[in-house]
Each structure stands twice: as structure tokens, then as C-alpha cells.
Protein backbone atom coordinates (compact mmCIF):
# COMPACT_ATOMS: atom_id res chain seq x y z
CA MET A 1 142.04 99.73 78.53
CA LYS A 2 138.66 101.36 79.13
CA THR A 3 135.57 99.60 77.91
CA ASN A 4 132.22 101.34 77.60
CA ILE A 5 129.21 99.06 77.69
CA ASN A 6 125.78 100.45 76.90
CA LYS A 7 123.64 97.88 75.10
CA VAL A 8 119.88 97.45 75.05
CA GLU A 9 117.87 94.71 73.36
CA LEU A 10 114.11 95.16 73.10
CA ALA A 11 111.22 93.38 71.44
CA GLY A 12 107.78 94.90 71.37
CA PHE A 13 105.08 96.60 69.36
CA ALA A 14 105.33 100.00 67.68
CA GLY A 15 102.93 102.50 69.20
CA MET A 16 103.00 104.73 66.13
CA ASP A 17 104.29 104.92 62.58
CA ALA A 18 107.93 106.01 62.53
CA GLU A 19 108.24 109.78 62.02
CA ILE A 20 111.23 110.60 59.82
CA ARG A 21 112.56 114.01 58.85
CA GLU A 22 115.71 115.59 57.54
CA ILE A 23 117.02 117.94 60.23
CA ARG A 24 119.78 119.39 58.05
CA LYS A 25 121.30 118.59 54.68
CA GLY A 26 122.14 114.88 54.64
CA VAL A 27 121.14 114.17 58.27
CA LYS A 28 117.97 112.19 58.86
CA PHE A 29 116.29 111.79 62.22
CA GLY A 30 113.45 109.48 63.14
CA ARG A 31 111.48 108.37 66.15
CA PHE A 32 108.72 106.04 67.26
CA SER A 33 107.40 104.60 70.49
CA LEU A 34 107.76 100.92 71.40
CA ALA A 35 105.69 99.02 73.97
CA THR A 36 107.26 96.12 75.83
CA SER A 37 105.26 93.94 78.22
CA GLU A 38 105.86 91.48 80.98
CA GLY A 39 103.42 89.44 82.99
CA TYR A 40 103.53 88.05 86.48
CA LYS A 41 101.24 86.71 89.20
CA ASN A 42 100.71 89.02 92.15
CA LYS A 43 100.39 87.96 95.80
CA THR A 44 96.73 87.02 95.34
CA GLY A 45 97.52 84.84 92.32
CA GLU A 46 96.04 87.19 89.75
CA TRP A 47 97.86 87.61 86.45
CA VAL A 48 99.15 91.17 85.97
CA ASN A 49 100.47 92.62 82.70
CA ASN A 50 102.92 95.51 82.94
CA THR A 51 103.55 97.55 79.79
CA THR A 52 106.47 99.98 79.47
CA TRP A 53 106.73 102.56 76.69
CA HIS A 54 110.13 103.41 75.22
CA ASN A 55 111.10 106.36 73.02
CA ILE A 56 113.12 105.05 70.08
CA VAL A 57 115.45 107.39 68.18
CA LEU A 58 116.89 106.63 64.75
CA TRP A 59 119.63 108.41 62.82
CA ASN A 60 120.52 108.45 59.10
CA ASP A 61 120.54 104.85 57.70
CA MET A 62 118.36 103.54 60.53
CA ALA A 63 115.86 106.38 59.96
CA GLU A 64 115.75 105.61 56.23
CA LYS A 65 115.23 101.91 56.98
CA ALA A 66 112.34 102.72 59.35
CA GLN A 67 110.58 104.99 56.89
CA GLY A 68 107.55 103.06 55.69
CA ALA A 69 108.66 99.88 57.52
CA VAL A 70 107.75 100.72 61.13
CA LYS A 71 103.98 101.02 61.32
CA LYS A 72 101.75 101.26 64.38
CA GLY A 73 101.23 97.74 65.78
CA ALA A 74 104.24 96.19 63.99
CA PHE A 75 106.40 93.78 65.99
CA VAL A 76 109.90 95.26 66.25
CA THR A 77 113.10 93.81 67.67
CA LEU A 78 116.04 96.13 68.12
CA THR A 79 119.45 96.62 69.64
CA GLY A 80 120.76 99.99 70.64
CA LYS A 81 121.92 102.08 73.55
CA ILE A 82 120.27 104.14 76.30
CA ASN A 83 120.68 107.89 76.04
CA TYR A 84 119.77 110.32 78.83
CA ARG A 85 119.52 113.99 77.97
CA ASN A 86 118.37 117.24 79.50
CA TYR A 87 116.65 120.01 77.61
CA GLU A 88 114.69 123.18 78.17
CA THR A 89 111.20 123.77 76.79
CA LYS A 90 110.26 126.93 74.90
CA ASP A 91 108.73 128.32 78.10
CA GLY A 92 111.94 127.69 80.09
CA GLN A 93 111.03 124.48 81.94
CA LYS A 94 113.84 121.97 82.42
CA ARG A 95 113.06 118.41 81.31
CA ASN A 96 114.79 115.04 81.17
CA ALA A 97 114.43 112.48 78.41
CA VAL A 98 115.33 108.81 78.27
CA GLU A 99 115.68 107.42 74.75
CA ILE A 100 116.84 104.25 73.08
CA VAL A 101 119.09 105.06 70.11
CA ALA A 102 118.60 102.17 67.68
CA GLY A 103 121.73 100.64 66.19
CA ASN A 104 119.81 97.94 64.34
CA PHE A 105 116.21 96.76 64.14
CA GLU A 106 113.98 94.27 62.39
CA VAL A 107 110.25 94.41 61.72
CA GLY A 108 108.58 91.03 61.55
CA GLU A 109 106.62 88.27 63.15
CA GLN A 110 106.31 87.78 66.87
């Protein structure tokens, strides 16, 4: 029996209000950025904060839930999966994208 495991859990702060749109009849798409941070002491004993930005993608029910709920600066916890995709820009340049497709999320207190 094959088992596919692709699970991500993140907690951080929204970098923007969720952008939601209907891409075709009955299909909603949304996105927002999420900042996660970790701190550590470097070799000289100084405290260093490292922030990573994640691109969050939402589909249908998750997009509807995010509309109006995910605001810039809001604390968001989510579970989802990592998605890697390749695409070509309008001027023909090849690009790669790494996204977190949200399966569930909550907006609340840190």
C-alpha cells in the first residue's frame, strides 16, 4: 500500500490581506503571504531573528473562509501541503514557485 505524506503546519503573521477571486464559475482562488520567525544565538552570543515568507494558496471553501478574515498582521495557524510548480512568464522566462496549499487555518491570538 502506497502512502503519500505531504503535511505542513505553520504559525505566523499575515503579510497582506487575503486576495480572493473567482477564476471560473464556482471556483474560488485566494492567496496571502505568511511570515514565520525563529530566533537563535549566533557564535558571538548575539540574538538573531530569521524570518521566512511563505506563499499561501487557498481554494474554494478555504478561500471563502479567508475572505475578510485574513488581514495584514493577523496571527494565522494553518495546516496544508507543499506544492512546487513551474510556469512561464508572459515574456517567456521560466520560473519556479513554492506554495503552501492550505487545508485548514485559524485566525486568532498568538
